[in-house]
Amino acid sequence: MRDCGYSLKKKGYTIKVLNLDDKSCSDCYNPLMYIKESHNNIGYYDEEHPIQEDDVMSLINTIMANTKSENIQNTSGDPFWEKAEMIYLQALFYYTLRHYDKAHQNFTTVLNLIRLSNPDSTGVSNLDRLFDAWGKDEPESIGVKQYKHFKVAASAPKMMSTIIMVATARLASFNIKEIANMTDTDTMELNRIGMPMDNNSPLLKQINSESNKPIGNGKVAYFVITKPSNNTFNYLASIFYTQLFEIIDENAKLCGGSLATPVEIYMDEWAQLGEIPRFVEELAYLRGLNVGITVGLQSLSQLKQKYKDSWESVLDCCDSTLFMGGMSKETLEYLVALLGKKTWYKKSSGRTYARQGSSSTNWDVVGRELATLDELSKMPSGNCVLFIAGIGAFYSKLYNLKEHPNYSELYEPRDNNSQKLYNHKKELQYGENADYRMLCDSGLSFVIPIEKPEIREVDKDDLKDLKRTGVIQFEDLVIKK
């Protein structure tokens, strides 16, 4: 991002960043904003079931798969606790999405609901009362049903306290101010992925005419930055990719079965990401939707560690494999076997110098590995081996990046071209498409979402009140004389 952001912006791309290393340089990402609206059989908005209920389950499954730790796992191996916690969280998410406006549909609200779970002297909690009231209005709601199932499963007070404690521990990171600021609202615009790149595209206009929420053009680049030394928050990246894949599938359907704009996904240091549910299936399916996925690995063992039983299926879904060097014996042995053998003609000759001397020449056909393990391990830097399905292997030099026609637009520290260094934090504060602004209060930085500027008339007295708030855009105000 730092190196090529300037070039992308110059070409008209919108740049969005999920930065889990330096969260102050990140766009806002609220997974709850990508729970799709539900439609009935004839395509109209379903008021009785306003959201895609399976989207909620998918989101919670991803959260639970990526927030496992010694603190929240039971040692007995009994799946009861995890299942009960899952039902409890589902009920809370359904309640949040049904009863709160968009501005409050976030993890902070879910945690606030959890805090209402403590029962009073009568044995009834404020959360019980909220769901009882909801049950009277909508007894068939899935959220009401899931909460009733939870209450039945956690009939004993100690059992209920344990389940609530585990759920609280699982979502504990959303209590951190930086994470809450980043996830309370959303500026990612993931729905733009794969859409036509021209705002005036007839297809995009048609899609927006049939959608309740306008979708922007597909000229957008997303960067996901994780922290190499700490994977505490990497589960957010897993949720991001899971929802991105779901949106790609949805947008492909809107575009007639395939994305209008080709999408390339480069998953460098893929092993650092958490678990992406059904990744093998997604890898096989998405490539038919005008999507290319590149998975970056240091060694074969990283793949086997995450997918013990299906690692070969991941490789089968990749039409090309590029090896740029390595010392892992397991990886080298796999590549030697993949290269196969080559037929060599061996010539041997002999001669005797006795009184009746003689000479002979023999030709033999022998088999030899195309490259041995030792040869691959000593491959010179800057060289590579490329495997292409159905064609074979190529031994070649890596492409010289300096020969690329756009190389001059990249930031390169050795070239002293700091004007081409992309700074996303500055873009968030002062860019043309800034979605929020950083304010300073007593030396602390915090994020405040703002709406699009609106021109309106105010009295001078109103202006004084506005000044006291500390946030005024004078160009948006018309003072009434």
Protein backbone atom coordinates (compact mmCIF):
# COMPACT_ATOMS: atom_id res chain seq x y z
CA MET A 1 0.00 0.00 0.00
CA ARG A 2 2.76 2.42 0.95
CA ASP A 3 4.59 1.76 -2.32
CA CYS A 4 1.76 1.54 -4.87
CA GLY A 5 -1.00 3.60 -3.21
CA TYR A 6 0.09 6.77 -5.01
CA SER A 7 -0.10 5.05 -8.40
CA LEU A 8 -3.52 3.54 -7.69
CA LYS A 9 -4.92 6.85 -6.51
CA LYS A 10 -3.50 8.58 -9.58
CA LYS A 11 -5.37 6.10 -11.76
CA GLY A 12 -8.64 6.91 -10.01
CA TYR A 13 -8.89 4.00 -7.58
CA THR A 14 -10.49 4.40 -4.18
CA ILE A 15 -8.20 2.90 -1.54
CA LYS A 16 -9.65 1.16 1.51
CA VAL A 17 -7.48 -0.27 4.28
CA LEU A 18 -8.15 -2.68 7.14
CA ASN A 19 -5.06 -2.03 9.24
CA LEU A 20 -4.83 -4.35 12.24
CA ASP A 21 -1.26 -3.27 12.95
CA ASP A 22 -1.78 0.50 13.21
CA LYS A 23 -5.51 0.88 13.79
CA SER A 24 -5.41 4.67 13.60
CA CYS A 25 -4.54 4.27 9.90
CA SER A 26 -7.49 1.98 9.17
CA ASP A 27 -10.84 2.54 7.57
CA CYS A 28 -13.82 1.52 9.67
CA TYR A 29 -15.12 -2.00 9.24
CA ASN A 30 -18.38 -3.12 10.85
CA PRO A 31 -19.23 -6.72 9.87
CA LEU A 32 -22.87 -6.26 10.89
CA MET A 33 -23.35 -3.78 8.04
CA TYR A 34 -22.94 -6.63 5.55
CA ILE A 35 -25.81 -8.73 6.84
CA LYS A 36 -27.99 -8.69 3.75
CA GLU A 37 -31.64 -7.69 3.66
CA SER A 38 -34.13 -10.47 3.13
CA HIS A 39 -36.57 -10.67 0.23
CA ASN A 40 -39.59 -12.88 -0.24
CA ASN A 41 -40.22 -15.30 -3.10
CA ILE A 42 -41.30 -12.56 -5.50
CA GLY A 43 -38.29 -10.36 -4.80
CA TYR A 44 -39.79 -7.76 -2.46
CA TYR A 45 -38.35 -6.68 0.89
CA ASP A 46 -39.63 -9.03 3.60
CA GLU A 47 -40.81 -6.95 6.58
CA GLU A 48 -41.44 -10.01 8.76
CA HIS A 49 -37.90 -11.34 8.20
CA PRO A 50 -35.87 -8.20 7.36
CA ILE A 51 -32.40 -9.80 7.36
CA GLN A 52 -30.74 -12.87 5.87
CA GLU A 53 -30.78 -15.06 8.96
CA ASP A 54 -28.09 -17.39 7.63
CA ASP A 55 -25.70 -14.42 7.29
CA VAL A 56 -25.85 -13.96 11.06
CA MET A 57 -25.04 -17.62 11.64
CA SER A 58 -22.15 -17.45 9.17
CA LEU A 59 -20.71 -14.38 10.92
CA ILE A 60 -20.90 -15.99 14.36
CA ASN A 61 -19.38 -19.23 13.06
CA THR A 62 -16.42 -17.25 11.71
CA ILE A 63 -16.00 -15.36 14.98
CA MET A 64 -16.06 -18.55 17.04
CA ALA A 65 -13.69 -20.39 14.70
CA ASN A 66 -11.11 -17.60 15.02
CA THR A 67 -11.36 -16.65 18.70
CA LYS A 68 -10.48 -19.97 20.24
CA SER A 69 -8.00 -19.75 23.08
CA GLU A 70 -7.16 -21.44 26.33
CA ASN A 71 -9.24 -18.83 28.12
CA ILE A 72 -12.52 -19.74 26.43
CA GLN A 73 -12.19 -23.40 25.54
CA ASN A 74 -13.58 -26.04 27.82
CA THR A 75 -11.21 -28.84 28.65
CA SER A 76 -13.78 -31.59 28.68
CA GLY A 77 -14.28 -31.57 24.94
CA ASP A 78 -18.04 -31.38 25.46
CA PRO A 79 -19.53 -29.38 22.54
CA PHE A 80 -22.48 -28.34 24.72
CA TRP A 81 -20.84 -25.17 25.97
CA GLU A 82 -19.86 -23.94 22.54
CA LYS A 83 -23.29 -24.73 21.09
CA ALA A 84 -25.05 -22.95 23.95
CA GLU A 85 -22.80 -19.93 23.55
CA MET A 86 -23.48 -19.89 19.81
CA ILE A 87 -27.26 -19.84 20.35
CA TYR A 88 -26.87 -17.07 22.93
CA LEU A 89 -24.80 -14.89 20.59
CA GLN A 90 -27.19 -15.52 17.71
CA ALA A 91 -30.09 -14.25 19.81
CA LEU A 92 -28.15 -11.09 20.73
CA PHE A 93 -27.16 -10.38 17.13
CA TYR A 94 -30.71 -10.89 15.89
CA TYR A 95 -32.01 -8.52 18.57
CA THR A 96 -29.41 -5.88 17.67
CA LEU A 97 -30.23 -6.03 13.97
CA ARG A 98 -33.98 -5.95 14.56
CA HIS A 99 -34.32 -3.25 17.24
CA TYR A 100 -31.46 -0.80 16.68
CA ASP A 101 -30.87 1.66 13.88
CA LYS A 102 -27.86 1.33 11.57
CA ALA A 103 -25.72 3.65 13.70
CA HIS A 104 -25.99 1.28 16.67
CA GLN A 105 -25.84 -2.09 14.91
CA ASN A 106 -22.36 -3.03 16.09
CA PHE A 107 -20.42 -5.12 18.59
CA THR A 108 -20.59 -2.38 21.21
CA THR A 109 -24.37 -2.78 21.30
CA VAL A 110 -24.04 -6.57 21.54
CA LEU A 111 -21.71 -6.19 24.54
CA ASN A 112 -24.12 -3.74 26.14
CA LEU A 113 -26.86 -6.35 25.81
CA ILE A 114 -24.63 -8.95 27.44
CA ARG A 115 -24.23 -6.62 30.43
CA LEU A 116 -28.01 -6.76 30.88
CA SER A 117 -27.89 -10.52 31.45
CA ASN A 118 -27.33 -10.32 35.20
CA PRO A 119 -30.59 -11.36 36.95
CA ASP A 120 -32.06 -9.30 39.79
CA SER A 121 -33.45 -10.57 43.10
CA THR A 122 -36.45 -12.06 41.29
CA GLY A 123 -34.21 -14.13 39.04
CA VAL A 124 -35.16 -12.13 35.93
CA SER A 125 -32.65 -10.01 34.01
CA ASN A 126 -33.28 -6.88 31.96
CA LEU A 127 -32.27 -8.90 28.90
CA ASP A 128 -35.04 -11.38 29.72
CA ARG A 129 -37.52 -8.52 29.77
CA LEU A 130 -36.34 -7.23 26.39
CA PHE A 131 -36.80 -10.63 24.77
CA ASP A 132 -40.14 -11.17 26.50
CA ALA A 133 -41.40 -7.91 24.99
CA TRP A 134 -40.05 -8.91 21.58
CA GLY A 135 -41.69 -12.32 21.90
CA LYS A 136 -45.09 -10.72 22.44
CA ASP A 137 -44.74 -8.66 19.24
CA GLU A 138 -43.02 -11.27 17.05
CA PRO A 139 -43.29 -14.73 18.64
CA GLU A 140 -42.04 -16.45 15.47
CA SER A 141 -38.84 -14.40 15.22
CA ILE A 142 -35.72 -16.54 15.06
CA GLY A 143 -34.06 -14.32 17.69
CA VAL A 144 -36.86 -15.01 20.17
CA LYS A 145 -36.69 -18.74 19.46
CA GLN A 146 -32.91 -18.87 19.89
CA TYR A 147 -33.10 -17.02 23.21
CA LYS A 148 -35.73 -19.46 24.47
CA HIS A 149 -33.48 -22.35 23.43
CA PHE A 150 -30.62 -20.74 25.32
CA LYS A 151 -32.72 -20.34 28.47
CA VAL A 152 -33.73 -23.99 28.32
CA ALA A 153 -30.13 -25.12 27.80
CA ALA A 154 -28.80 -22.90 30.61
CA SER A 155 -31.49 -23.61 33.17
CA ALA A 156 -29.11 -23.61 36.15
CA PRO A 157 -27.81 -20.16 37.25
CA LYS A 158 -24.19 -21.36 37.40
CA MET A 159 -24.47 -22.85 33.93
CA MET A 160 -25.90 -19.61 32.54
CA SER A 161 -23.14 -17.55 34.18
CA THR A 162 -20.50 -19.78 32.60
CA ILE A 163 -21.96 -19.43 29.11
CA ILE A 164 -22.28 -15.65 29.46
CA MET A 165 -18.71 -15.40 30.77
CA VAL A 166 -17.35 -17.39 27.82
CA ALA A 167 -19.29 -15.23 25.33
CA THR A 168 -17.99 -12.07 27.01
CA ALA A 169 -14.41 -13.35 26.85
CA ARG A 170 -14.82 -14.17 23.17
CA LEU A 171 -15.89 -10.60 22.32
CA ALA A 172 -13.58 -8.95 24.86
CA SER A 173 -11.39 -7.29 22.21
CA PHE A 174 -14.33 -5.13 21.13
CA ASN A 175 -14.13 -3.41 24.52
CA ILE A 176 -10.77 -1.98 23.48
CA LYS A 177 -11.25 1.63 22.41
CA GLU A 178 -9.24 1.29 19.18
CA ILE A 179 -11.21 -1.78 18.07
CA ALA A 180 -14.53 -0.22 19.06
CA ASN A 181 -13.74 2.95 17.08
CA MET A 182 -12.81 0.85 14.06
CA THR A 183 -15.86 -1.45 14.16
CA ASP A 184 -18.68 0.78 15.44
CA THR A 185 -19.27 2.16 11.96
CA ASP A 186 -18.37 1.16 8.41
CA THR A 187 -16.61 2.95 5.57
CA MET A 188 -15.29 -0.07 3.64
CA GLU A 189 -17.94 -0.18 0.89
CA LEU A 190 -17.32 -3.88 0.27
CA ASN A 191 -20.41 -3.99 -1.96
CA ARG A 192 -18.38 -2.24 -4.68
CA ILE A 193 -16.17 -5.27 -5.31
CA GLY A 194 -16.38 -6.50 -8.90
CA MET A 195 -18.94 -3.92 -10.00
CA PRO A 196 -18.57 -1.98 -13.30
CA MET A 197 -15.77 0.59 -13.09
CA ASP A 198 -17.79 3.35 -14.75
CA ASN A 199 -20.47 5.16 -12.75
CA ASN A 200 -22.39 5.69 -15.98
CA SER A 201 -22.44 1.99 -16.81
CA PRO A 202 -25.97 0.88 -17.81
CA LEU A 203 -25.49 -2.29 -15.76
CA LEU A 204 -24.56 -0.35 -12.61
CA LYS A 205 -27.49 2.02 -13.09
CA GLN A 206 -29.85 -0.92 -13.47
CA ILE A 207 -28.49 -2.60 -10.32
CA ASN A 208 -28.87 0.60 -8.30
CA SER A 209 -32.39 1.17 -9.58
CA GLU A 210 -33.38 -2.20 -8.11
CA SER A 211 -31.41 -1.86 -4.87
CA ASN A 212 -32.44 -0.18 -1.62
CA LYS A 213 -28.82 0.85 -1.01
CA PRO A 214 -26.78 2.51 -3.81
CA ILE A 215 -23.62 0.68 -4.82
CA GLY A 216 -20.52 2.52 -6.04
CA ASN A 217 -18.32 1.59 -8.99
CA GLY A 218 -15.81 -1.24 -8.85
CA LYS A 219 -12.70 0.93 -9.13
CA VAL A 220 -11.52 0.19 -5.61
CA ALA A 221 -8.47 -1.45 -4.03
CA TYR A 222 -8.53 -3.08 -0.60
CA PHE A 223 -5.50 -3.66 1.62
CA VAL A 224 -5.58 -5.92 4.68
CA ILE A 225 -2.60 -5.37 6.99
CA THR A 226 -1.96 -7.77 9.87
CA LYS A 227 0.64 -7.61 12.60
CA PRO A 228 3.33 -10.28 12.06
CA SER A 229 4.32 -10.51 15.73
CA ASN A 230 0.79 -10.64 17.17
CA ASN A 231 -2.25 -12.43 15.76
CA THR A 232 -4.69 -11.27 18.46
CA PHE A 233 -6.84 -9.29 16.06
CA ASN A 234 -6.32 -11.37 12.91
CA TYR A 235 -9.80 -12.83 13.32
CA LEU A 236 -11.11 -9.53 11.91
CA ALA A 237 -9.17 -10.24 8.72
CA SER A 238 -10.77 -13.69 8.55
CA ILE A 239 -14.23 -12.16 8.96
CA PHE A 240 -13.33 -9.61 6.28
CA TYR A 241 -12.34 -12.28 3.75
CA THR A 242 -15.35 -14.46 4.59
CA GLN A 243 -17.76 -11.60 3.97
CA LEU A 244 -15.81 -10.49 0.90
CA PHE A 245 -16.24 -13.93 -0.66
CA GLU A 246 -19.98 -13.87 0.09
CA ILE A 247 -20.34 -10.41 -1.45
CA ILE A 248 -18.40 -11.50 -4.55
CA ASP A 249 -20.89 -14.33 -5.02
CA GLU A 250 -23.82 -11.94 -4.56
CA ASN A 251 -22.38 -9.30 -6.92
CA ALA A 252 -21.64 -11.92 -9.58
CA LYS A 253 -25.33 -12.85 -9.56
CA LEU A 254 -26.28 -9.17 -9.88
CA CYS A 255 -23.92 -8.85 -12.86
CA GLY A 256 -25.36 -11.85 -14.70
CA GLY A 257 -23.29 -14.72 -13.32
CA SER A 258 -19.79 -13.22 -13.43
CA LEU A 259 -18.25 -10.06 -11.99
CA ALA A 260 -18.26 -7.08 -14.34
CA THR A 261 -14.74 -6.13 -13.23
CA PRO A 262 -12.08 -8.85 -12.77
CA VAL A 263 -10.96 -9.15 -9.15
CA GLU A 264 -7.47 -10.21 -8.10
CA ILE A 265 -6.97 -11.24 -4.47
CA TYR A 266 -3.36 -11.48 -3.26
CA MET A 267 -3.19 -13.25 0.10
CA ASP A 268 0.45 -12.75 1.03
CA GLU A 269 1.53 -14.38 4.30
CA TRP A 270 -1.71 -16.35 4.13
CA ALA A 271 -0.73 -18.51 7.11
CA GLN A 272 -1.00 -15.50 9.43
CA LEU A 273 -4.71 -15.21 8.74
CA GLY A 274 -7.19 -17.02 10.92
CA GLU A 275 -9.51 -19.73 9.71
CA ILE A 276 -11.68 -18.84 6.72
CA PRO A 277 -14.67 -21.19 6.73
CA ARG A 278 -14.95 -23.37 3.62
CA PHE A 279 -11.86 -21.78 2.08
CA VAL A 280 -11.13 -24.79 -0.12
CA GLU A 281 -14.65 -24.72 -1.56
CA GLU A 282 -14.50 -20.94 -2.03
CA LEU A 283 -11.16 -21.22 -3.82
CA ALA A 284 -12.64 -23.68 -6.29
CA TYR A 285 -15.89 -21.77 -6.76
CA LEU A 286 -14.79 -18.15 -6.99
CA ARG A 287 -12.40 -18.62 -9.90
CA GLY A 288 -15.47 -19.21 -12.07
CA LEU A 289 -16.79 -15.75 -11.16
CA ASN A 290 -13.96 -13.75 -12.78
CA VAL A 291 -11.84 -13.89 -9.61
CA GLY A 292 -8.18 -14.81 -9.26
CA ILE A 293 -6.72 -15.74 -5.86
CA THR A 294 -3.00 -15.90 -5.09
CA VAL A 295 -2.01 -17.64 -1.86
CA GLY A 296 1.46 -16.88 -0.48
CA LEU A 297 3.20 -19.56 1.62
CA GLN A 298 6.67 -19.91 3.11
CA SER A 299 6.53 -23.70 3.02
CA LEU A 300 4.21 -26.63 2.46
CA SER A 301 4.03 -27.25 6.21
CA GLN A 302 2.07 -24.01 6.68
CA LEU A 303 -0.63 -25.34 4.38
CA LYS A 304 -0.69 -28.76 6.06
CA GLN A 305 -0.94 -27.17 9.48
CA LYS A 306 -4.17 -25.35 8.61
CA TYR A 307 -5.70 -28.00 6.35
CA LYS A 308 -4.42 -31.38 7.50
CA ASP A 309 -6.90 -33.42 5.49
CA SER A 310 -7.52 -31.17 2.49
CA TRP A 311 -4.20 -29.44 1.78
CA GLU A 312 -3.89 -31.24 -1.54
CA SER A 313 -7.31 -29.90 -2.57
CA VAL A 314 -6.01 -26.35 -2.07
CA LEU A 315 -3.12 -27.08 -4.43
CA ASP A 316 -5.46 -28.74 -6.92
CA CYS A 317 -7.48 -25.51 -7.10
CA CYS A 318 -4.36 -23.55 -8.09
CA ASP A 319 -3.64 -23.67 -11.83
CA SER A 320 -0.17 -22.22 -11.29
CA THR A 321 2.47 -22.74 -8.61
CA LEU A 322 5.50 -20.44 -8.39
CA PHE A 323 8.55 -21.54 -6.38
CA MET A 324 11.05 -18.78 -5.62
CA GLY A 325 13.37 -20.71 -3.34
CA GLY A 326 13.37 -22.31 0.08
CA MET A 327 15.10 -24.79 2.36
CA SER A 328 12.18 -26.81 3.70
CA LYS A 329 12.94 -30.46 2.97
CA GLU A 330 9.26 -31.38 2.84
CA THR A 331 8.55 -28.63 0.30
CA LEU A 332 11.57 -29.51 -1.82
CA GLU A 333 10.67 -33.21 -1.89
CA TYR A 334 7.15 -32.35 -3.02
CA LEU A 335 8.45 -30.15 -5.85
CA VAL A 336 11.01 -32.75 -6.95
CA ALA A 337 8.19 -35.28 -7.26
CA LEU A 338 6.06 -32.70 -9.08
CA LEU A 339 8.84 -32.02 -11.59
CA GLY A 340 9.10 -35.72 -12.37
CA LYS A 341 11.87 -37.46 -14.25
CA LYS A 342 13.53 -36.99 -17.58
CA THR A 343 15.00 -39.57 -19.94
CA TRP A 344 18.74 -39.17 -20.43
CA TYR A 345 20.99 -40.91 -22.94
CA LYS A 346 24.16 -42.18 -21.34
CA LYS A 347 27.24 -42.82 -23.46
CA SER A 348 30.02 -45.04 -22.14
CA SER A 349 33.18 -46.02 -23.99
CA GLY A 350 36.08 -48.34 -23.30
CA ARG A 351 39.45 -49.22 -24.84
CA THR A 352 42.08 -51.85 -24.17
CA TYR A 353 45.76 -51.48 -25.01
CA ALA A 354 46.78 -55.13 -25.20
CA ARG A 355 48.47 -56.66 -28.26
CA GLN A 356 45.06 -57.16 -29.73
CA GLY A 357 43.54 -53.93 -28.40
CA SER A 358 39.90 -53.11 -28.80
CA SER A 359 37.44 -50.30 -28.14
CA SER A 360 33.70 -50.15 -27.52
CA THR A 361 30.96 -47.55 -27.24
CA ASN A 362 27.65 -48.17 -25.44
CA TRP A 363 24.49 -46.07 -25.26
CA ASP A 364 22.11 -46.54 -22.36
CA VAL A 365 18.73 -44.95 -21.59
CA VAL A 366 18.46 -43.88 -17.93
CA GLY A 367 15.98 -41.88 -15.88
CA ARG A 368 16.90 -38.94 -13.66
CA GLU A 369 14.98 -36.31 -11.67
CA LEU A 370 14.51 -33.14 -13.67
CA ALA A 371 15.94 -31.35 -10.64
CA THR A 372 17.25 -32.97 -7.48
CA LEU A 373 16.49 -31.80 -3.96
CA ASP A 374 20.02 -30.42 -3.70
CA GLU A 375 19.72 -28.49 -6.97
CA LEU A 376 16.41 -26.89 -5.98
CA SER A 377 17.72 -25.86 -2.57
CA LYS A 378 20.69 -24.10 -4.23
CA MET A 379 18.65 -22.31 -6.88
CA PRO A 380 20.20 -18.82 -7.31
CA SER A 381 18.34 -15.84 -5.91
CA GLY A 382 16.26 -14.10 -8.55
CA ASN A 383 15.34 -17.36 -10.29
CA CYS A 384 12.12 -19.34 -10.04
CA VAL A 385 10.32 -22.50 -11.13
CA LEU A 386 6.80 -22.06 -12.48
CA PHE A 387 4.35 -24.96 -12.68
CA ILE A 388 1.34 -24.51 -14.96
CA ALA A 389 -1.43 -27.10 -15.02
CA GLY A 390 -1.53 -29.06 -18.26
CA ILE A 391 1.70 -27.58 -19.60
CA GLY A 392 4.64 -28.38 -17.37
CA ALA A 393 7.38 -26.59 -15.50
CA PHE A 394 9.47 -23.57 -16.53
CA TYR A 395 12.80 -22.53 -15.04
CA SER A 396 13.25 -18.80 -15.45
CA LYS A 397 14.46 -15.55 -13.97
CA LEU A 398 12.01 -13.45 -11.98
CA TYR A 399 10.55 -10.43 -13.72
CA ASN A 400 12.58 -7.27 -13.18
CA LEU A 401 10.12 -4.86 -11.56
CA LYS A 402 12.08 -1.86 -12.82
CA GLU A 403 11.12 -2.80 -16.38
CA HIS A 404 7.42 -2.40 -15.62
CA PRO A 405 5.92 0.64 -17.42
CA ASN A 406 4.42 1.91 -14.15
CA TYR A 407 7.54 1.47 -12.04
CA SER A 408 8.24 5.21 -12.09
CA GLU A 409 4.98 5.77 -10.19
CA LEU A 410 5.99 3.54 -7.26
CA TYR A 411 7.54 4.79 -4.06
CA GLU A 412 11.14 3.66 -3.80
CA PRO A 413 13.20 4.87 -0.79
CA ARG A 414 16.47 4.51 -2.70
CA ASP A 415 15.19 6.91 -5.36
CA ASN A 416 14.39 9.69 -2.84
CA ASN A 417 10.88 10.06 -4.29
CA SER A 418 9.06 10.61 -0.99
CA GLN A 419 6.33 12.57 -2.80
CA LYS A 420 5.10 9.18 -4.07
CA LEU A 421 4.87 7.72 -0.57
CA TYR A 422 1.20 6.95 0.12
CA ASN A 423 -0.03 7.92 3.60
CA HIS A 424 -3.48 6.51 4.25
CA LYS A 425 -3.84 8.23 7.62
CA LYS A 426 -3.43 11.59 5.94
CA GLU A 427 -5.90 10.49 3.27
CA LEU A 428 -8.45 9.64 5.96
CA GLN A 429 -8.07 13.06 7.54
CA TYR A 430 -7.79 15.36 4.54
CA GLY A 431 -8.55 13.34 1.41
CA GLU A 432 -11.32 14.18 -1.03
CA ASN A 433 -13.36 11.16 0.09
CA ALA A 434 -12.64 11.41 3.82
CA ASP A 435 -15.30 9.53 5.77
CA TYR A 436 -14.30 10.68 9.22
CA ARG A 437 -11.96 13.18 10.85
CA MET A 438 -9.50 12.89 13.66
CA LEU A 439 -10.01 15.37 16.47
CA CYS A 440 -7.69 16.01 19.38
CA ASP A 441 -8.98 16.35 22.91
CA SER A 442 -6.49 16.63 25.75
CA GLY A 443 -3.86 14.97 23.62
CA LEU A 444 -6.00 11.92 22.82
CA SER A 445 -7.09 11.08 19.29
CA PHE A 446 -10.54 9.74 18.67
CA VAL A 447 -12.73 9.09 15.65
CA ILE A 448 -16.09 10.73 15.01
CA PRO A 449 -18.18 9.61 12.03
CA ILE A 450 -19.76 12.49 10.08
CA GLU A 451 -22.49 12.55 7.50
CA LYS A 452 -22.19 14.13 4.08
CA PRO A 453 -22.25 17.96 4.20
CA GLU A 454 -25.73 19.41 4.15
CA ILE A 455 -26.48 23.04 3.32
CA ARG A 456 -29.03 24.55 5.67
CA GLU A 457 -30.03 27.92 7.09
CA VAL A 458 -29.29 28.81 10.70
CA ASP A 459 -29.76 31.83 12.92
CA LYS A 460 -26.82 33.59 14.51
CA ASP A 461 -27.85 32.22 17.90
CA ASP A 462 -27.79 28.72 16.46
CA LEU A 463 -24.31 29.38 15.13
CA LYS A 464 -23.10 30.22 18.64
CA ASP A 465 -24.44 26.90 19.87
CA LEU A 466 -22.71 25.10 17.03
CA LYS A 467 -19.40 26.75 17.89
CA ARG A 468 -19.59 25.34 21.41
CA THR A 469 -19.63 21.81 20.00
CA GLY A 470 -16.17 22.33 18.56
CA VAL A 471 -17.02 20.93 15.12
CA ILE A 472 -18.21 23.33 12.41
CA GLN A 473 -17.92 23.27 8.64
CA PHE A 474 -18.53 26.95 7.84
CA GLU A 475 -18.76 26.28 4.12
CA ASP A 476 -21.88 24.19 4.77
CA LEU A 477 -23.79 26.93 6.60
CA VAL A 478 -25.86 29.83 5.34
CA ILE A 479 -26.33 32.50 7.99
CA LYS A 480 -29.75 34.08 7.96
CA LYS A 481 -29.60 37.87 8.25
